[in-house]
Amino acid sequence: MAEDDNRPLKRVDSLDDLVTWLRWIADDVARDPDAVENMTTDRYLEACAAYLQDRSRLQKRAGHPLPAQPTWQLLADALHAGCFYE
C-alpha cells in the first residue's frame, strides 16, 4: 500500500473501524495493484492464514499469546497482511 497515504494511525476497535480499514485497503489496491503481492483469492487467503499462524507463534514465544477472543485489530492486521505476506 502507498506509504504516503493519509490513512490515520488509528487502532481498529469496532466493526465501523474495520469497515473503514477495509475500504482503505481496497482503495490502495485499486490505486496501485502492482504493490500487492497476493492478487488471487487463494494466495491472499493463504497469506492471511500464514500471518496469523506466524504471529501466534511469535507472540507465544515472546510470552504474549494471542487472546482467546480475537480483536478487531487482529482481524484488520490479518486482512492487511494478506496483501503482502509471503
C-alpha atoms as a PDB file:
ATOM      1  CA  MET A   1       0.000   0.000   0.000  1.00  0.00           C
ATOM      2  CA  ALA A   2       1.112   3.523  -0.524  1.00  0.00           C
ATOM      3  CA  GLU A   3       3.477   4.737   2.161  1.00  0.00           C
ATOM      4  CA  ASP A   4       2.499   8.370   1.694  1.00  0.00           C
ATOM      5  CA  ASP A   5      -1.238   7.834   2.123  1.00  0.00           C
ATOM      6  CA  ASN A   6      -3.291   9.828   4.572  1.00  0.00           C
ATOM      7  CA  ARG A   7      -4.514   6.800   6.494  1.00  0.00           C
ATOM      8  CA  PRO A   8      -4.959   7.729  10.140  1.00  0.00           C
ATOM      9  CA  LEU A   9      -2.750   5.883  12.547  1.00  0.00           C
ATOM     10  CA  LYS A  10      -5.760   4.543  14.390  1.00  0.00           C
ATOM     11  CA  ARG A  11      -6.462   1.271  16.066  1.00  0.00           C
ATOM     12  CA  VAL A  12      -9.318  -0.827  14.766  1.00  0.00           C
ATOM     13  CA  ASP A  13     -11.606  -1.185  17.768  1.00  0.00           C
ATOM     14  CA  SER A  14     -15.047  -1.673  16.228  1.00  0.00           C
ATOM     15  CA  LEU A  15     -16.918  -3.031  13.242  1.00  0.00           C
ATOM     16  CA  ASP A  16     -17.176   0.509  11.854  1.00  0.00           C
ATOM     17  CA  ASP A  17     -13.393   0.918  12.155  1.00  0.00           C
ATOM     18  CA  LEU A  18     -12.895  -2.393  10.327  1.00  0.00           C
ATOM     19  CA  VAL A  19     -15.237  -1.352   7.514  1.00  0.00           C
ATOM     20  CA  THR A  20     -13.290   1.883   7.112  1.00  0.00           C
ATOM     21  CA  TRP A  21      -9.978  -0.037   7.202  1.00  0.00           C
ATOM     22  CA  LEU A  22     -11.176  -2.460   4.504  1.00  0.00           C
ATOM     23  CA  ARG A  23     -12.216   0.434   2.290  1.00  0.00           C
ATOM     24  CA  TRP A  24      -8.747   1.972   2.692  1.00  0.00           C
ATOM     25  CA  ILE A  25      -7.176  -1.329   1.669  1.00  0.00           C
ATOM     26  CA  ALA A  26      -9.493  -1.594  -1.346  1.00  0.00           C
ATOM     27  CA  ASP A  27      -8.635   1.977  -2.376  1.00  0.00           C
ATOM     28  CA  ASP A  28      -4.914   1.244  -2.018  1.00  0.00           C
ATOM     29  CA  VAL A  29      -5.195  -1.882  -4.173  1.00  0.00           C
ATOM     30  CA  ALA A  30      -7.181  -0.008  -6.835  1.00  0.00           C
ATOM     31  CA  ARG A  31      -4.660   2.837  -6.821  1.00  0.00           C
ATOM     32  CA  ASP A  32      -1.549   0.642  -7.035  1.00  0.00           C
ATOM     33  CA  PRO A  33      -2.291  -3.014  -7.838  1.00  0.00           C
ATOM     34  CA  ASP A  34       1.378  -3.700  -8.619  1.00  0.00           C
ATOM     35  CA  ALA A  35       2.223  -3.065  -4.952  1.00  0.00           C
ATOM     36  CA  VAL A  36       0.092  -6.029  -3.892  1.00  0.00           C
ATOM     37  CA  GLU A  37       1.890  -9.364  -3.647  1.00  0.00           C
ATOM     38  CA  ASN A  38      -1.143 -11.670  -3.399  1.00  0.00           C
ATOM     39  CA  MET A  39      -3.703 -10.715  -6.042  1.00  0.00           C
ATOM     40  CA  THR A  40      -5.531 -14.040  -6.323  1.00  0.00           C
ATOM     41  CA  THR A  41      -8.015 -15.163  -3.708  1.00  0.00           C
ATOM     42  CA  ASP A  42      -6.142 -18.352  -2.881  1.00  0.00           C
ATOM     43  CA  ARG A  43      -2.810 -16.553  -2.394  1.00  0.00           C
ATOM     44  CA  TYR A  44      -4.488 -13.777  -0.388  1.00  0.00           C
ATOM     45  CA  LEU A  45      -6.209 -16.232   1.958  1.00  0.00           C
ATOM     46  CA  GLU A  46      -3.042 -18.315   2.349  1.00  0.00           C
ATOM     47  CA  ALA A  47      -1.116 -15.148   3.248  1.00  0.00           C
ATOM     48  CA  CYS A  48      -3.756 -14.193   5.853  1.00  0.00           C
ATOM     49  CA  ALA A  49      -3.501 -17.677   7.387  1.00  0.00           C
ATOM     50  CA  ALA A  50       0.311 -17.647   7.363  1.00  0.00           C
ATOM     51  CA  TYR A  51       0.372 -14.217   9.004  1.00  0.00           C
ATOM     52  CA  LEU A  52      -1.957 -15.338  11.795  1.00  0.00           C
ATOM     53  CA  GLN A  53      -0.044 -18.570  12.349  1.00  0.00           C
ATOM     54  CA  ASP A  54       3.321 -16.803  12.436  1.00  0.00           C
ATOM     55  CA  ARG A  55       2.043 -14.005  14.666  1.00  0.00           C
ATOM     56  CA  SER A  56       0.591 -16.529  17.093  1.00  0.00           C
ATOM     57  CA  ARG A  57       3.879 -18.444  17.216  1.00  0.00           C
ATOM     58  CA  LEU A  58       5.952 -15.287  17.683  1.00  0.00           C
ATOM     59  CA  GLN A  59       3.723 -13.918  20.417  1.00  0.00           C
ATOM     60  CA  LYS A  60       3.724 -17.257  22.260  1.00  0.00           C
ATOM     61  CA  ARG A  61       7.498 -17.377  22.065  1.00  0.00           C
ATOM     62  CA  ALA A  62       7.627 -13.849  23.499  1.00  0.00           C
ATOM     63  CA  GLY A  63       5.334 -14.868  26.340  1.00  0.00           C
ATOM     64  CA  HIS A  64       2.328 -12.944  24.996  1.00  0.00           C
ATOM     65  CA  PRO A  65      -0.034 -15.460  23.373  1.00  0.00           C
ATOM     66  CA  LEU A  66      -2.925 -14.199  21.297  1.00  0.00           C
ATOM     67  CA  PRO A  67      -6.081 -13.571  23.333  1.00  0.00           C
ATOM     68  CA  ALA A  68      -8.751 -16.281  23.366  1.00  0.00           C
ATOM     69  CA  GLN A  69     -11.144 -13.799  21.756  1.00  0.00           C
ATOM     70  CA  PRO A  70      -9.671 -12.192  18.632  1.00  0.00           C
ATOM     71  CA  THR A  71      -9.813  -8.418  18.428  1.00  0.00           C
ATOM     72  CA  TRP A  72     -10.960  -6.183  15.588  1.00  0.00           C
ATOM     73  CA  GLN A  73      -7.340  -5.054  15.324  1.00  0.00           C
ATOM     74  CA  LEU A  74      -6.055  -8.613  14.844  1.00  0.00           C
ATOM     75  CA  LEU A  75      -8.593  -9.174  12.073  1.00  0.00           C
ATOM     76  CA  ALA A  76      -7.642  -5.878  10.404  1.00  0.00           C
ATOM     77  CA  ASP A  77      -3.939  -6.737  10.645  1.00  0.00           C
ATOM     78  CA  ALA A  78      -4.518 -10.160   9.072  1.00  0.00           C
ATOM     79  CA  LEU A  79      -6.616  -8.749   6.227  1.00  0.00           C
ATOM     80  CA  HIS A  80      -3.998  -6.106   5.508  1.00  0.00           C
ATOM     81  CA  ALA A  81      -1.152  -8.623   5.718  1.00  0.00           C
ATOM     82  CA  GLY A  82      -2.949 -10.813   3.185  1.00  0.00           C
ATOM     83  CA  CYS A  83      -1.982  -8.315   0.516  1.00  0.00           C
ATOM     84  CA  PHE A  84       1.759  -8.672   1.145  1.00  0.00           C
ATOM     85  CA  TYR A  85       2.663 -11.536   3.465  1.00  0.00           C
ATOM     86  CA  GLU A  86       4.522 -14.484   1.978  1.00  0.00           C
END
